[in-house]
Amino acid sequence: MSSNQVIGSNGIEMAYRAWGAPAARPMVLLHALGESAADWDDVAPVFAENRQVYAPDLRGHGRTDWPGEYSLELMCADVAGLLDALALGRVDLIGHSMGCANAWNSRD
């Protein structure tokens, strides 16, 4: 079962779901365009058997703010802000479609 949270990131309120033990190695799952963190509900519990899993609703999706400005750069900054706000350090980023582009561009 996931917990639903909201945290400030890059000037917006970003919603995310979390599964697993907080001490486990973190994994972040990024959804596709027009989707939400709910896309990961079937697979996240499996990953959470050995990992701490986070799935945010990206900018303009799901329960995250819809500020009117949307770009790959802003979404990458939002993801970086989420990682900083949660003090996650190194994580494994997994993305689907647009989420993959965000993961690739957030890798530094």
PDB file of N, CA and C in Angstrom:
ATOM      1  N   MET A   1       0.839  -1.171   0.000  1.00  0.00           N
ATOM      2  CA  MET A   1       0.000   0.000   0.000  1.00  0.00           C
ATOM      3  C   MET A   1       0.889   1.241   0.000  1.00  0.00           C
ATOM      4  N   SER A   2       0.502   2.230  -0.775  1.00  0.00           N
ATOM      5  CA  SER A   2       1.297   3.449  -0.869  1.00  0.00           C
ATOM      6  C   SER A   2       0.807   4.496   0.120  1.00  0.00           C
ATOM      7  N   SER A   3       1.706   5.415   0.441  1.00  0.00           N
ATOM      8  CA  SER A   3       1.297   6.597   1.192  1.00  0.00           C
ATOM      9  C   SER A   3       1.324   7.769   0.222  1.00  0.00           C
ATOM     10  N   ASN A   4       0.351   8.652   0.311  1.00  0.00           N
ATOM     11  CA  ASN A   4       0.272   9.828  -0.544  1.00  0.00           C
ATOM     12  C   ASN A   4       0.788  11.027   0.230  1.00  0.00           C
ATOM     13  N   GLN A   5       1.721  11.757  -0.375  1.00  0.00           N
ATOM     14  CA  GLN A   5       2.362  12.901   0.274  1.00  0.00           C
ATOM     15  C   GLN A   5       2.388  14.085  -0.689  1.00  0.00           C
ATOM     16  N   VAL A   6       2.640  15.273  -0.157  1.00  0.00           N
ATOM     17  CA  VAL A   6       2.864  16.476  -0.958  1.00  0.00           C
ATOM     18  C   VAL A   6       4.063  17.191  -0.354  1.00  0.00           C
ATOM     19  N   ILE A   7       4.941  17.708  -1.229  1.00  0.00           N
ATOM     20  CA  ILE A   7       6.142  18.402  -0.765  1.00  0.00           C
ATOM     21  C   ILE A   7       6.428  19.565  -1.704  1.00  0.00           C
ATOM     22  N   GLY A   8       7.027  20.629  -1.195  1.00  0.00           N
ATOM     23  CA  GLY A   8       7.420  21.754  -2.035  1.00  0.00           C
ATOM     24  C   GLY A   8       8.639  21.395  -2.863  1.00  0.00           C
ATOM     25  N   SER A   9       8.581  21.732  -4.154  1.00  0.00           N
ATOM     26  CA  SER A   9       9.688  21.443  -5.054  1.00  0.00           C
ATOM     27  C   SER A   9       9.707  22.464  -6.180  1.00  0.00           C
ATOM     28  N   ASN A  10      10.788  23.207  -6.317  1.00  0.00           N
ATOM     29  CA  ASN A  10      10.967  24.120  -7.441  1.00  0.00           C
ATOM     30  C   ASN A  10       9.818  25.130  -7.545  1.00  0.00           C
ATOM     31  N   GLY A  11       9.295  25.565  -6.421  1.00  0.00           N
ATOM     32  CA  GLY A  11       8.250  26.569  -6.405  1.00  0.00           C
ATOM     33  C   GLY A  11       6.833  26.063  -6.594  1.00  0.00           C
ATOM     34  N   ILE A  12       6.648  24.745  -6.632  1.00  0.00           N
ATOM     35  CA  ILE A  12       5.304  24.166  -6.751  1.00  0.00           C
ATOM     36  C   ILE A  12       5.109  23.131  -5.646  1.00  0.00           C
ATOM     37  N   GLU A  13       3.853  22.769  -5.427  1.00  0.00           N
ATOM     38  CA  GLU A  13       3.535  21.668  -4.524  1.00  0.00           C
ATOM     39  C   GLU A  13       3.471  20.401  -5.368  1.00  0.00           C
ATOM     40  N   MET A  14       4.333  19.442  -5.053  1.00  0.00           N
ATOM     41  CA  MET A  14       4.451  18.224  -5.837  1.00  0.00           C
ATOM     42  C   MET A  14       3.929  17.036  -5.025  1.00  0.00           C
ATOM     43  N   ALA A  15       2.937  16.350  -5.581  1.00  0.00           N
ATOM     44  CA  ALA A  15       2.373  15.163  -4.934  1.00  0.00           C
ATOM     45  C   ALA A  15       3.203  13.946  -5.341  1.00  0.00           C
ATOM     46  N   TYR A  16       3.318  13.007  -4.411  1.00  0.00           N
ATOM     47  CA  TYR A  16       4.015  11.760  -4.737  1.00  0.00           C
ATOM     48  C   TYR A  16       3.457  10.636  -3.884  1.00  0.00           C
ATOM     49  N   ARG A  17       3.699   9.427  -4.342  1.00  0.00           N
ATOM     50  CA  ARG A  17       3.356   8.226  -3.592  1.00  0.00           C
ATOM     51  C   ARG A  17       4.654   7.554  -3.184  1.00  0.00           C
ATOM     52  N   ALA A  18       4.631   6.876  -2.049  1.00  0.00           N
ATOM     53  CA  ALA A  18       5.825   6.177  -1.564  1.00  0.00           C
ATOM     54  C   ALA A  18       5.442   4.795  -1.077  1.00  0.00           C
ATOM     55  N   TRP A  19       6.319   3.843  -1.351  1.00  0.00           N
ATOM     56  CA  TRP A  19       6.161   2.463  -0.908  1.00  0.00           C
ATOM     57  C   TRP A  19       7.497   1.995  -0.341  1.00  0.00           C
ATOM     58  N   GLY A  20       7.466   0.999   0.523  1.00  0.00           N
ATOM     59  CA  GLY A  20       8.681   0.346   0.990  1.00  0.00           C
ATOM     60  C   GLY A  20       9.249   0.935   2.264  1.00  0.00           C
ATOM     61  N   ALA A  21      10.343   0.326   2.695  1.00  0.00           N
ATOM     62  CA  ALA A  21      11.014   0.723   3.931  1.00  0.00           C
ATOM     63  C   ALA A  21      11.896   1.938   3.687  1.00  0.00           C
ATOM     64  N   PRO A  22      11.803   2.967   4.536  1.00  0.00           N
ATOM     65  CA  PRO A  22      12.602   4.181   4.343  1.00  0.00           C
ATOM     66  C   PRO A  22      14.110   3.944   4.285  1.00  0.00           C
ATOM     67  N   ALA A  23      14.607   2.901   4.911  1.00  0.00           N
ATOM     68  CA  ALA A  23      16.046   2.649   4.916  1.00  0.00           C
ATOM     69  C   ALA A  23      16.526   1.945   3.652  1.00  0.00           C
ATOM     70  N   ALA A  24      15.631   1.458   2.814  1.00  0.00           N
ATOM     71  CA  ALA A  24      16.019   0.731   1.599  1.00  0.00           C
ATOM     72  C   ALA A  24      16.530   1.707   0.533  1.00  0.00           C
ATOM     73  N   ARG A  25      17.268   1.175  -0.419  1.00  0.00           N
ATOM     74  CA  ARG A  25      17.805   1.980  -1.521  1.00  0.00           C
ATOM     75  C   ARG A  25      16.655   2.609  -2.317  1.00  0.00           C
ATOM     76  N   PRO A  26      16.717   3.932  -2.594  1.00  0.00           N
ATOM     77  CA  PRO A  26      15.591   4.602  -3.249  1.00  0.00           C
ATOM     78  C   PRO A  26      15.540   4.406  -4.760  1.00  0.00           C
ATOM     79  N   MET A  27      14.312   4.362  -5.256  1.00  0.00           N
ATOM     80  CA  MET A  27      13.999   4.275  -6.671  1.00  0.00           C
ATOM     81  C   MET A  27      12.888   5.286  -6.938  1.00  0.00           C
ATOM     82  N   VAL A  28      12.991   6.030  -8.038  1.00  0.00           N
ATOM     83  CA  VAL A  28      11.978   7.013  -8.398  1.00  0.00           C
ATOM     84  C   VAL A  28      11.407   6.643  -9.760  1.00  0.00           C
ATOM     85  N   LEU A  29      10.080   6.565  -9.829  1.00  0.00           N
ATOM     86  CA  LEU A  29       9.371   6.167 -11.047  1.00  0.00           C
ATOM     87  C   LEU A  29       8.658   7.390 -11.618  1.00  0.00           C
ATOM     88  N   LEU A  30       8.932   7.713 -12.887  1.00  0.00           N
ATOM     89  CA  LEU A  30       8.367   8.895 -13.530  1.00  0.00           C
ATOM     90  C   LEU A  30       7.400   8.470 -14.636  1.00  0.00           C
ATOM     91  N   HIS A  31       6.195   8.981 -14.571  1.00  0.00           N
ATOM     92  CA  HIS A  31       5.119   8.579 -15.487  1.00  0.00           C
ATOM     93  C   HIS A  31       5.197   9.277 -16.842  1.00  0.00           C
ATOM     94  N   ALA A  32       4.341   8.843 -17.758  1.00  0.00           N
ATOM     95  CA  ALA A  32       4.260   9.385 -19.114  1.00  0.00           C
ATOM     96  C   ALA A  32       3.385  10.639 -19.167  1.00  0.00           C
ATOM     97  N   LEU A  33       3.430  11.345 -20.298  1.00  0.00           N
ATOM     98  CA  LEU A  33       2.619  12.525 -20.549  1.00  0.00           C
ATOM     99  C   LEU A  33       1.139  12.186 -20.400  1.00  0.00           C
ATOM    100  N   GLY A  34       0.424  13.024 -19.647  1.00  0.00           N
ATOM    101  CA  GLY A  34      -1.003  12.842 -19.468  1.00  0.00           C
ATOM    102  C   GLY A  34      -1.378  11.784 -18.447  1.00  0.00           C
ATOM    103  N   GLU A  35      -0.405  11.213 -17.776  1.00  0.00           N
ATOM    104  CA  GLU A  35      -0.651  10.155 -16.799  1.00  0.00           C
ATOM    105  C   GLU A  35      -0.371  10.676 -15.394  1.00  0.00           C
ATOM    106  N   SER A  36      -0.172   9.779 -14.441  1.00  0.00           N
ATOM    107  CA  SER A  36       0.109  10.179 -13.057  1.00  0.00           C
ATOM    108  C   SER A  36       0.871   9.060 -12.349  1.00  0.00           C
ATOM    109  N   ALA A  37       1.198   9.314 -11.104  1.00  0.00           N
ATOM    110  CA  ALA A  37       1.894   8.308 -10.291  1.00  0.00           C
ATOM    111  C   ALA A  37       1.090   7.018 -10.179  1.00  0.00           C
ATOM    112  N   ALA A  38      -0.221   7.118 -10.327  1.00  0.00           N
ATOM    113  CA  ALA A  38      -1.085   5.933 -10.229  1.00  0.00           C
ATOM    114  C   ALA A  38      -0.726   4.872 -11.270  1.00  0.00           C
ATOM    115  N   ASP A  39      -0.053   5.283 -12.351  1.00  0.00           N
ATOM    116  CA  ASP A  39       0.367   4.306 -13.376  1.00  0.00           C
ATOM    117  C   ASP A  39       1.269   3.226 -12.806  1.00  0.00           C
ATOM    118  N   TRP A  40       1.942   3.530 -11.720  1.00  0.00           N
ATOM    119  CA  TRP A  40       2.916   2.606 -11.141  1.00  0.00           C
ATOM    120  C   TRP A  40       2.323   1.738 -10.029  1.00  0.00           C
ATOM    121  N   ASP A  41       1.032   1.868  -9.751  1.00  0.00           N
ATOM    122  CA  ASP A  41       0.418   1.154  -8.625  1.00  0.00           C
ATOM    123  C   ASP A  41       0.559  -0.364  -8.690  1.00  0.00           C
ATOM    124  N   ASP A  42       0.606  -0.946  -9.876  1.00  0.00           N
ATOM    125  CA  ASP A  42       0.721  -2.404  -9.986  1.00  0.00           C
ATOM    126  C   ASP A  42       2.143  -2.908  -9.792  1.00  0.00           C
ATOM    127  N   VAL A  43       3.142  -2.128 -10.238  1.00  0.00           N
ATOM    128  CA  VAL A  43       4.524  -2.611 -10.163  1.00  0.00           C
ATOM    129  C   VAL A  43       5.291  -2.089  -8.954  1.00  0.00           C
ATOM    130  N   ALA A  44       4.926  -0.922  -8.436  1.00  0.00           N
ATOM    131  CA  ALA A  44       5.667  -0.342  -7.309  1.00  0.00           C
ATOM    132  C   ALA A  44       5.716  -1.260  -6.088  1.00  0.00           C
ATOM    133  N   PRO A  45       4.620  -1.940  -5.714  1.00  0.00           N
ATOM    134  CA  PRO A  45       4.712  -2.829  -4.550  1.00  0.00           C
ATOM    135  C   PRO A  45       5.723  -3.967  -4.727  1.00  0.00           C
ATOM    136  N   VAL A  46       5.906  -4.402  -5.956  1.00  0.00           N
ATOM    137  CA  VAL A  46       6.895  -5.459  -6.220  1.00  0.00           C
ATOM    138  C   VAL A  46       8.303  -4.901  -6.006  1.00  0.00           C
ATOM    139  N   PHE A  47       8.582  -3.716  -6.572  1.00  0.00           N
ATOM    140  CA  PHE A  47       9.878  -3.075  -6.340  1.00  0.00           C
ATOM    141  C   PHE A  47      10.085  -2.800  -4.853  1.00  0.00           C
ATOM    142  N   ALA A  48       9.010  -2.446  -4.143  1.00  0.00           N
ATOM    143  CA  ALA A  48       9.096  -2.057  -2.733  1.00  0.00           C
ATOM    144  C   ALA A  48       9.434  -3.218  -1.811  1.00  0.00           C
ATOM    145  N   GLU A  49       9.429  -4.439  -2.320  1.00  0.00           N
ATOM    146  CA  GLU A  49       9.861  -5.562  -1.487  1.00  0.00           C
ATOM    147  C   GLU A  49      11.320  -5.402  -1.083  1.00  0.00           C
ATOM    148  N   ASN A  50      12.126  -4.703  -1.927  1.00  0.00           N
ATOM    149  CA  ASN A  50      13.547  -4.514  -1.643  1.00  0.00           C
ATOM    150  C   ASN A  50      14.005  -3.065  -1.742  1.00  0.00           C
ATOM    151  N   ARG A  51      13.099  -2.146  -2.081  1.00  0.00           N
ATOM    152  CA  ARG A  51      13.479  -0.760  -2.338  1.00  0.00           C
ATOM    153  C   ARG A  51      12.502   0.198  -1.678  1.00  0.00           C
ATOM    154  N   GLN A  52      12.936   1.426  -1.475  1.00  0.00           N
ATOM    155  CA  GLN A  52      12.034   2.522  -1.117  1.00  0.00           C
ATOM    156  C   GLN A  52      11.660   3.164  -2.441  1.00  0.00           C
ATOM    157  N   VAL A  53      10.397   3.132  -2.795  1.00  0.00           N
ATOM    158  CA  VAL A  53       9.929   3.569  -4.109  1.00  0.00           C
ATOM    159  C   VAL A  53       9.132   4.868  -3.976  1.00  0.00           C
ATOM    160  N   TYR A  54       9.444   5.827  -4.854  1.00  0.00           N
ATOM    161  CA  TYR A  54       8.732   7.090  -4.921  1.00  0.00           C
ATOM    162  C   TYR A  54       8.211   7.259  -6.341  1.00  0.00           C
ATOM    163  N   ALA A  55       6.960   7.703  -6.463  1.00  0.00           N
ATOM    164  CA  ALA A  55       6.376   8.001  -7.771  1.00  0.00           C
ATOM    165  C   ALA A  55       5.666   9.345  -7.675  1.00  0.00           C
ATOM    166  N   PRO A  56       6.274  10.401  -8.240  1.00  0.00           N
ATOM    167  CA  PRO A  56       5.624  11.714  -8.193  1.00  0.00           C
ATOM    168  C   PRO A  56       4.622  11.895  -9.323  1.00  0.00           C
ATOM    169  N   ASP A  57       3.667  12.775  -9.087  1.00  0.00           N
ATOM    170  CA  ASP A  57       2.853  13.325 -10.164  1.00  0.00           C
ATOM    171  C   ASP A  57       3.667  14.501 -10.702  1.00  0.00           C
ATOM    172  N   LEU A  58       4.068  14.439 -11.957  1.00  0.00           N
ATOM    173  CA  LEU A  58       4.868  15.510 -12.522  1.00  0.00           C
ATOM    174  C   LEU A  58       4.036  16.788 -12.694  1.00  0.00           C
ATOM    175  N   ARG A  59       4.705  17.902 -12.852  1.00  0.00           N
ATOM    176  CA  ARG A  59       4.081  19.223 -13.041  1.00  0.00           C
ATOM    177  C   ARG A  59       2.924  19.135 -14.035  1.00  0.00           C
ATOM    178  N   GLY A  60       1.758  19.638 -13.612  1.00  0.00           N
ATOM    179  CA  GLY A  60       0.598  19.648 -14.494  1.00  0.00           C
ATOM    180  C   GLY A  60      -0.075  18.299 -14.660  1.00  0.00           C
ATOM    181  N   HIS A  61       0.193  17.385 -13.745  1.00  0.00           N
ATOM    182  CA  HIS A  61      -0.386  16.046 -13.795  1.00  0.00           C
ATOM    183  C   HIS A  61      -0.886  15.658 -12.407  1.00  0.00           C
ATOM    184  N   GLY A  62      -1.933  14.864 -12.382  1.00  0.00           N
ATOM    185  CA  GLY A  62      -2.431  14.329 -11.117  1.00  0.00           C
ATOM    186  C   GLY A  62      -2.702  15.400 -10.076  1.00  0.00           C
ATOM    187  N   ARG A  63      -2.209  15.165  -8.853  1.00  0.00           N
ATOM    188  CA  ARG A  63      -2.453  16.060  -7.725  1.00  0.00           C
ATOM    189  C   ARG A  63      -1.388  17.143  -7.565  1.00  0.00           C
ATOM    190  N   THR A  64      -0.365  17.143  -8.441  1.00  0.00           N
ATOM    191  CA  THR A  64       0.663  18.186  -8.386  1.00  0.00           C
ATOM    192  C   THR A  64       0.106  19.471  -8.990  1.00  0.00           C
ATOM    193  N   ASP A  65       0.689  20.608  -8.568  1.00  0.00           N
ATOM    194  CA  ASP A  65       0.243  21.904  -9.092  1.00  0.00           C
ATOM    195  C   ASP A  65       0.249  21.949 -10.619  1.00  0.00           C
ATOM    196  N   TRP A  66      -0.678  22.747 -11.139  1.00  0.00           N
ATOM    197  CA  TRP A  66      -0.808  23.023 -12.574  1.00  0.00           C
ATOM    198  C   TRP A  66      -0.524  24.515 -12.762  1.00  0.00           C
ATOM    199  N   PRO A  67       0.744  24.943 -12.755  1.00  0.00           N
ATOM    200  CA  PRO A  67       1.065  26.364 -12.709  1.00  0.00           C
ATOM    201  C   PRO A  67       0.911  27.117 -14.034  1.00  0.00           C
ATOM    202  N   GLY A  68       0.683  26.433 -15.142  1.00  0.00           N
ATOM    203  CA  GLY A  68       0.539  27.106 -16.437  1.00  0.00           C
ATOM    204  C   GLY A  68       1.819  27.140 -17.248  1.00  0.00           C
ATOM    205  N   GLU A  69       2.941  26.822 -16.647  1.00  0.00           N
ATOM    206  CA  GLU A  69       4.223  26.731 -17.360  1.00  0.00           C
ATOM    207  C   GLU A  69       4.681  25.279 -17.336  1.00  0.00           C
ATOM    208  N   TYR A  70       4.962  24.722 -18.526  1.00  0.00           N
ATOM    209  CA  TYR A  70       5.320  23.313 -18.630  1.00  0.00           C
ATOM    210  C   TYR A  70       6.437  23.167 -19.657  1.00  0.00           C
ATOM    211  N   SER A  71       7.503  22.529 -19.248  1.00  0.00           N
ATOM    212  CA  SER A  71       8.598  22.223 -20.172  1.00  0.00           C
ATOM    213  C   SER A  71       9.402  21.079 -19.572  1.00  0.00           C
ATOM    214  N   LEU A  72      10.179  20.451 -20.419  1.00  0.00           N
ATOM    215  CA  LEU A  72      11.054  19.384 -19.946  1.00  0.00           C
ATOM    216  C   LEU A  72      12.022  19.924 -18.901  1.00  0.00           C
ATOM    217  N   GLU A  73      12.531  21.124 -19.130  1.00  0.00           N
ATOM    218  CA  GLU A  73      13.488  21.712 -18.191  1.00  0.00           C
ATOM    219  C   GLU A  73      12.849  21.939 -16.822  1.00  0.00           C
ATOM    220  N   LEU A  74      11.619  22.465 -16.807  1.00  0.00           N
ATOM    221  CA  LEU A  74      10.936  22.695 -15.532  1.00  0.00           C
ATOM    222  C   LEU A  74      10.640  21.373 -14.827  1.00  0.00           C
ATOM    223  N   MET A  75      10.214  20.369 -15.583  1.00  0.00           N
ATOM    224  CA  MET A  75       9.923  19.065 -14.965  1.00  0.00           C
ATOM    225  C   MET A  75      11.182  18.437 -14.402  1.00  0.00           C
ATOM    226  N   CYS A  76      12.308  18.566 -15.108  1.00  0.00           N
ATOM    227  CA  CYS A  76      13.577  18.045 -14.586  1.00  0.00           C
ATOM    228  C   CYS A  76      13.968  18.769 -13.299  1.00  0.00           C
ATOM    229  N   ALA A  77      13.782  20.091 -13.281  1.00  0.00           N
ATOM    230  CA  ALA A  77      14.083  20.858 -12.069  1.00  0.00           C
ATOM    231  C   ALA A  77      13.150  20.450 -10.930  1.00  0.00           C
ATOM    232  N   ASP A  78      11.897  20.141 -11.256  1.00  0.00           N
ATOM    233  CA  ASP A  78      10.958  19.674 -10.232  1.00  0.00           C
ATOM    234  C   ASP A  78      11.426  18.352  -9.635  1.00  0.00           C
ATOM    235  N   VAL A  79      11.870  17.434 -10.499  1.00  0.00           N
ATOM    236  CA  VAL A  79      12.354  16.132 -10.018  1.00  0.00           C
ATOM    237  C   VAL A  79      13.594  16.334  -9.144  1.00  0.00           C
ATOM    238  N   ALA A  80      14.517  17.184  -9.591  1.00  0.00           N
ATOM    239  CA  ALA A  80      15.720  17.465  -8.786  1.00  0.00           C
ATOM    240  C   ALA A  80      15.328  18.071  -7.438  1.00  0.00           C
ATOM    241  N   GLY A  81      14.344  18.973  -7.440  1.00  0.00           N
ATOM    242  CA  GLY A  81      13.870  19.568  -6.192  1.00  0.00           C
ATOM    243  C   GLY A  81      13.238  18.550  -5.273  1.00  0.00           C
ATOM    244  N   LEU A  82      12.505  17.610  -5.843  1.00  0.00           N
ATOM    245  CA  LEU A  82      11.905  16.530  -5.051  1.00  0.00           C
ATOM    246  C   LEU A  82      12.993  15.687  -4.399  1.00  0.00           C
ATOM    247  N   LEU A  83      14.008  15.315  -5.172  1.00  0.00           N
ATOM    248  CA  LEU A  83      15.105  14.505  -4.624  1.00  0.00           C
ATOM    249  C   LEU A  83      15.807  15.248  -3.497  1.00  0.00           C
ATOM    250  N   ASP A  84      16.040  16.548  -3.685  1.00  0.00           N
ATOM    251  CA  ASP A  84      16.674  17.355  -2.632  1.00  0.00           C
ATOM    252  C   ASP A  84      15.776  17.456  -1.405  1.00  0.00           C
ATOM    253  N   ALA A  85      14.488  17.751  -1.622  1.00  0.00           N
ATOM    254  CA  ALA A  85      13.556  17.917  -0.497  1.00  0.00           C
ATOM    255  C   ALA A  85      13.428  16.646   0.327  1.00  0.00           C
ATOM    256  N   LEU A  86      13.520  15.495  -0.336  1.00  0.00           N
ATOM    257  CA  LEU A  86      13.432  14.218   0.366  1.00  0.00           C
ATOM    258  C   LEU A  86      14.796  13.719   0.830  1.00  0.00           C
ATOM    259  N   ALA A  87      15.866  14.475   0.513  1.00  0.00           N
ATOM    260  CA  ALA A  87      17.240  14.124   0.889  1.00  0.00           C
ATOM    261  C   ALA A  87      17.582  12.700   0.460  1.00  0.00           C
ATOM    262  N   LEU A  88      17.281  12.387  -0.797  1.00  0.00           N
ATOM    263  CA  LEU A  88      17.476  11.019  -1.270  1.00  0.00           C
ATOM    264  C   LEU A  88      18.883  10.720  -1.763  1.00  0.00           C
ATOM    265  N   GLY A  89      19.651  11.733  -2.161  1.00  0.00           N
ATOM    266  CA  GLY A  89      20.984  11.448  -2.692  1.00  0.00           C
ATOM    267  C   GLY A  89      20.874  10.694  -4.003  1.00  0.00           C
ATOM    268  N   ARG A  90      21.666   9.632  -4.134  1.00  0.00           N
ATOM    269  CA  ARG A  90      21.624   8.818  -5.367  1.00  0.00           C
ATOM    270  C   ARG A  90      20.378   7.954  -5.381  1.00  0.00           C
ATOM    271  N   VAL A  91      19.736   7.921  -6.532  1.00  0.00           N
ATOM    272  CA  VAL A  91      18.545   7.092  -6.729  1.00  0.00           C
ATOM    273  C   VAL A  91      18.628   6.426  -8.089  1.00  0.00           C
ATOM    274  N   ASP A  92      17.849   5.398  -8.269  1.00  0.00           N
ATOM    275  CA  ASP A  92      17.634   4.834  -9.594  1.00  0.00           C
ATOM    276  C   ASP A  92      16.372   5.483 -10.141  1.00  0.00           C
ATOM    277  N   LEU A  93      16.487   6.144 -11.309  1.00  0.00           N
ATOM    278  CA  LEU A  93      15.351   6.792 -11.951  1.00  0.00           C
ATOM    279  C   LEU A  93      14.847   5.901 -13.075  1.00  0.00           C
ATOM    280  N   ILE A  94      13.554   5.647 -13.074  1.00  0.00           N
ATOM    281  CA  ILE A  94      12.930   4.858 -14.126  1.00  0.00           C
ATOM    282  C   ILE A  94      11.790   5.686 -14.681  1.00  0.00           C
ATOM    283  N   GLY A  95      11.730   5.817 -15.993  1.00  0.00           N
ATOM    284  CA  GLY A  95      10.682   6.605 -16.596  1.00  0.00           C
ATOM    285  C   GLY A  95      10.008   5.888 -17.739  1.00  0.00           C
ATOM    286  N   HIS A  96       8.745   6.244 -17.959  1.00  0.00           N
ATOM    287  CA  HIS A  96       7.977   5.741 -19.082  1.00  0.00           C
ATOM    288  C   HIS A  96       7.688   6.914 -20.013  1.00  0.00           C
ATOM    289  N   SER A  97       8.065   6.825 -21.276  1.00  0.00           N
ATOM    290  CA  SER A  97       7.798   7.841 -22.285  1.00  0.00           C
ATOM    291  C   SER A  97       8.344   9.190 -21.826  1.00  0.00           C
ATOM    292  N   MET A  98       7.491  10.205 -21.594  1.00  0.00           N
ATOM    293  CA  MET A  98       7.969  11.511 -21.149  1.00  0.00           C
ATOM    294  C   MET A  98       8.767  11.376 -19.849  1.00  0.00           C
ATOM    295  N   GLY A  99       8.377  10.463 -18.991  1.00  0.00           N
ATOM    296  CA  GLY A  99       9.106  10.229 -17.751  1.00  0.00           C
ATOM    297  C   GLY A  99      10.526   9.785 -18.012  1.00  0.00           C
ATOM    298  N   CYS A 100      10.733   9.042 -19.094  1.00  0.00           N
ATOM    299  CA  CYS A 100      12.086   8.619 -19.473  1.00  0.00           C
ATOM    300  C   CYS A 100      12.921   9.828 -19.873  1.00  0.00           C
ATOM    301  N   ALA A 101      12.332  10.744 -20.633  1.00  0.00           N
ATOM    302  CA  ALA A 101      13.050  11.976 -21.009  1.00  0.00           C
ATOM    303  C   ALA A 101      13.433  12.773 -19.775  1.00  0.00           C
ATOM    304  N   ASN A 102      12.533  12.838 -18.797  1.00  0.00           N
ATOM    305  CA  ASN A 102      12.841  13.525 -17.539  1.00  0.00           C
ATOM    306  C   ASN A 102      13.945  12.812 -16.783  1.00  0.00           C
ATOM    307  N   ALA A 103      13.898  11.499 -16.736  1.00  0.00           N
ATOM    308  CA  ALA A 103      14.935  10.729 -16.037  1.00  0.00           C
ATOM    309  C   ALA A 103      16.283  10.941 -16.715  1.00  0.00           C
ATOM    310  N   TRP A 104      16.325  10.864 -18.029  1.00  0.00           N
ATOM    311  CA  TRP A 104      17.579  11.028 -18.778  1.00  0.00           C
ATOM    312  C   TRP A 104      18.176  12.406 -18.535  1.00  0.00           C
ATOM    313  N   ASN A 105      17.352  13.438 -18.582  1.00  0.00           N
ATOM    314  CA  ASN A 105      17.838  14.800 -18.431  1.00  0.00           C
ATOM    315  C   ASN A 105      18.079  15.190 -16.977  1.00  0.00           C
ATOM    316  N   SER A 106      17.649  14.377 -16.020  1.00  0.00           N
ATOM    317  CA  SER A 106      17.875  14.639 -14.597  1.00  0.00           C
ATOM    318  C   SER A 106      19.050  13.847 -14.048  1.00  0.00           C
ATOM    319  N   ARG A 107      19.744  13.127 -14.893  1.00  0.00           N
ATOM    320  CA  ARG A 107      20.749  12.169 -14.428  1.00  0.00           C
ATOM    321  C   ARG A 107      21.968  12.796 -13.773  1.00  0.00           C
ATOM    322  N   ASP A 108      22.234  14.065 -14.001  1.00  0.00           N
ATOM    323  CA  ASP A 108      23.405  14.699 -13.380  1.00  0.00           C
ATOM    324  C   ASP A 108      23.073  15.008 -11.961  1.00  0.00           C
TER     325      ASP A 108
END
